[in-house]
Amino acid sequence: MKRLVLVRREQPLRGGQPLSFLIGLVVALLAGILLLAASGHNPIEIYERLFNSSVGSSNAWAKTLIVQFLLDWQGSPLQSLEAWGYGILALKVKFLLEQ
């Protein structure tokens, strides 16, 4: 049996990176659908709620961007704010997330 060997291409394929991203996205969504369906949940309803709570309104956009910025900054958003001495801002973020 022949052994598979990876070989570097002389010319990279055009459009390879966006295509790889799309394939990865589709595979991840399909895996999520399978796992949700196997656990007895409606995947369409779950994905719709996920979309609406993250980018469905301007308030959702604001929450998503704040949390993403803080998570990129250092792990847990509230712990990061408190560690940097922004206790009042941490309370505001906590208030935003609870709404």
C-alpha atoms as a PDB file:
ATOM      1  CA  MET A   1       0.000   0.000   0.000  1.00  0.00           C
ATOM      2  CA  LYS A   2       1.309   3.441  -0.946  1.00  0.00           C
ATOM      3  CA  ARG A   3       2.076   5.852   1.828  1.00  0.00           C
ATOM      4  CA  LEU A   4       0.570   9.337   1.515  1.00  0.00           C
ATOM      5  CA  VAL A   5       3.097  12.142   1.450  1.00  0.00           C
ATOM      6  CA  LEU A   6       2.382  15.868   1.660  1.00  0.00           C
ATOM      7  CA  VAL A   7       4.177  17.844  -1.024  1.00  0.00           C
ATOM      8  CA  ARG A   8       4.544  21.612  -1.173  1.00  0.00           C
ATOM      9  CA  ARG A   9       2.994  23.138  -4.270  1.00  0.00           C
ATOM     10  CA  GLU A  10       5.049  25.454  -6.417  1.00  0.00           C
ATOM     11  CA  GLN A  11       2.053  27.732  -6.916  1.00  0.00           C
ATOM     12  CA  PRO A  12      -0.522  27.977  -4.104  1.00  0.00           C
ATOM     13  CA  LEU A  13      -4.105  27.433  -5.175  1.00  0.00           C
ATOM     14  CA  ARG A  14      -5.991  30.664  -5.708  1.00  0.00           C
ATOM     15  CA  GLY A  15      -8.932  31.112  -3.380  1.00  0.00           C
ATOM     16  CA  GLY A  16      -7.801  28.297  -1.109  1.00  0.00           C
ATOM     17  CA  GLN A  17      -8.045  30.158   2.172  1.00  0.00           C
ATOM     18  CA  PRO A  18     -11.636  31.442   1.771  1.00  0.00           C
ATOM     19  CA  LEU A  19     -12.684  28.027   0.496  1.00  0.00           C
ATOM     20  CA  SER A  20     -11.093  26.335   3.511  1.00  0.00           C
ATOM     21  CA  PHE A  21     -12.881  28.783   5.808  1.00  0.00           C
ATOM     22  CA  LEU A  22     -16.249  28.060   4.188  1.00  0.00           C
ATOM     23  CA  ILE A  23     -15.726  24.311   4.320  1.00  0.00           C
ATOM     24  CA  GLY A  24     -14.778  24.563   8.006  1.00  0.00           C
ATOM     25  CA  LEU A  25     -17.826  26.716   8.729  1.00  0.00           C
ATOM     26  CA  VAL A  26     -20.188  24.302   6.967  1.00  0.00           C
ATOM     27  CA  VAL A  27     -18.658  21.288   8.726  1.00  0.00           C
ATOM     28  CA  ALA A  28     -18.966  23.036  12.121  1.00  0.00           C
ATOM     29  CA  LEU A  29     -22.598  23.991  11.478  1.00  0.00           C
ATOM     30  CA  LEU A  30     -23.454  20.457  10.353  1.00  0.00           C
ATOM     31  CA  ALA A  31     -21.737  18.955  13.396  1.00  0.00           C
ATOM     32  CA  GLY A  32     -23.695  21.360  15.608  1.00  0.00           C
ATOM     33  CA  ILE A  33     -26.943  20.392  13.902  1.00  0.00           C
ATOM     34  CA  LEU A  34     -26.213  16.703  14.410  1.00  0.00           C
ATOM     35  CA  LEU A  35     -25.321  17.170  18.079  1.00  0.00           C
ATOM     36  CA  LEU A  36     -28.364  19.335  18.785  1.00  0.00           C
ATOM     37  CA  ALA A  37     -30.699  16.924  16.991  1.00  0.00           C
ATOM     38  CA  ALA A  38     -29.161  13.954  18.830  1.00  0.00           C
ATOM     39  CA  SER A  39     -29.777  15.690  22.157  1.00  0.00           C
ATOM     40  CA  GLY A  40     -33.444  16.265  21.295  1.00  0.00           C
ATOM     41  CA  HIS A  41     -33.330  20.006  20.526  1.00  0.00           C
ATOM     42  CA  ASN A  42     -34.529  21.825  17.421  1.00  0.00           C
ATOM     43  CA  PRO A  43     -31.320  23.005  15.652  1.00  0.00           C
ATOM     44  CA  ILE A  44     -33.075  25.689  13.586  1.00  0.00           C
ATOM     45  CA  GLU A  45     -34.631  27.258  16.691  1.00  0.00           C
ATOM     46  CA  ILE A  46     -31.312  27.155  18.570  1.00  0.00           C
ATOM     47  CA  TYR A  47     -29.349  28.716  15.691  1.00  0.00           C
ATOM     48  CA  GLU A  48     -32.051  31.383  15.273  1.00  0.00           C
ATOM     49  CA  ARG A  49     -31.847  32.290  18.985  1.00  0.00           C
ATOM     50  CA  LEU A  50     -28.042  32.314  18.793  1.00  0.00           C
ATOM     51  CA  PHE A  51     -28.129  34.690  15.818  1.00  0.00           C
ATOM     52  CA  ASN A  52     -30.753  36.990  17.347  1.00  0.00           C
ATOM     53  CA  SER A  53     -28.978  37.221  20.698  1.00  0.00           C
ATOM     54  CA  SER A  54     -25.609  38.008  19.124  1.00  0.00           C
ATOM     55  CA  VAL A  55     -26.363  40.266  16.137  1.00  0.00           C
ATOM     56  CA  GLY A  56     -30.160  40.538  15.958  1.00  0.00           C
ATOM     57  CA  SER A  57     -30.369  44.148  17.178  1.00  0.00           C
ATOM     58  CA  SER A  58     -28.130  47.113  17.910  1.00  0.00           C
ATOM     59  CA  ASN A  59     -28.215  46.259  21.621  1.00  0.00           C
ATOM     60  CA  ALA A  60     -27.185  42.677  20.820  1.00  0.00           C
ATOM     61  CA  TRP A  61     -24.327  43.976  18.653  1.00  0.00           C
ATOM     62  CA  ALA A  62     -23.146  46.173  21.523  1.00  0.00           C
ATOM     63  CA  LYS A  63     -23.212  43.281  24.007  1.00  0.00           C
ATOM     64  CA  THR A  64     -21.402  40.990  21.586  1.00  0.00           C
ATOM     65  CA  LEU A  65     -18.672  43.528  20.824  1.00  0.00           C
ATOM     66  CA  ILE A  66     -18.151  44.442  24.477  1.00  0.00           C
ATOM     67  CA  VAL A  67     -17.880  40.844  25.596  1.00  0.00           C
ATOM     68  CA  GLN A  68     -15.644  39.888  22.666  1.00  0.00           C
ATOM     69  CA  PHE A  69     -13.317  42.814  23.312  1.00  0.00           C
ATOM     70  CA  LEU A  70     -13.064  41.952  26.986  1.00  0.00           C
ATOM     71  CA  LEU A  71     -12.557  38.242  26.303  1.00  0.00           C
ATOM     72  CA  ASP A  72      -9.770  39.076  23.881  1.00  0.00           C
ATOM     73  CA  TRP A  73      -8.319  41.354  26.502  1.00  0.00           C
ATOM     74  CA  GLN A  74      -7.941  38.683  29.226  1.00  0.00           C
ATOM     75  CA  GLY A  75     -10.173  35.644  29.789  1.00  0.00           C
ATOM     76  CA  SER A  76     -13.247  36.485  31.879  1.00  0.00           C
ATOM     77  CA  PRO A  77     -14.588  39.961  31.084  1.00  0.00           C
ATOM     78  CA  LEU A  78     -15.609  40.903  34.613  1.00  0.00           C
ATOM     79  CA  GLN A  79     -12.439  39.602  36.218  1.00  0.00           C
ATOM     80  CA  SER A  80     -10.387  41.535  33.668  1.00  0.00           C
ATOM     81  CA  LEU A  81     -12.164  44.787  34.415  1.00  0.00           C
ATOM     82  CA  GLU A  82     -11.876  44.327  38.158  1.00  0.00           C
ATOM     83  CA  ALA A  83      -8.204  43.359  37.904  1.00  0.00           C
ATOM     84  CA  TRP A  84      -7.472  46.506  35.905  1.00  0.00           C
ATOM     85  CA  GLY A  85      -9.273  48.648  38.471  1.00  0.00           C
ATOM     86  CA  TYR A  86     -12.459  49.276  36.488  1.00  0.00           C
ATOM     87  CA  GLY A  87     -14.947  48.000  39.069  1.00  0.00           C
ATOM     88  CA  ILE A  88     -17.724  50.399  38.048  1.00  0.00           C
ATOM     89  CA  LEU A  89     -17.333  49.446  34.398  1.00  0.00           C
ATOM     90  CA  ALA A  90     -17.461  45.770  35.430  1.00  0.00           C
ATOM     91  CA  LEU A  91     -20.802  46.423  37.105  1.00  0.00           C
ATOM     92  CA  LYS A  92     -22.106  48.166  33.962  1.00  0.00           C
ATOM     93  CA  VAL A  93     -21.022  45.228  31.796  1.00  0.00           C
ATOM     94  CA  LYS A  94     -22.623  42.793  34.230  1.00  0.00           C
ATOM     95  CA  PHE A  95     -25.839  44.848  34.038  1.00  0.00           C
ATOM     96  CA  LEU A  96     -25.719  44.800  30.216  1.00  0.00           C
ATOM     97  CA  LEU A  97     -25.192  41.041  30.118  1.00  0.00           C
ATOM     98  CA  GLU A  98     -28.096  40.353  32.455  1.00  0.00           C
ATOM     99  CA  GLN A  99     -30.598  42.204  30.238  1.00  0.00           C
END
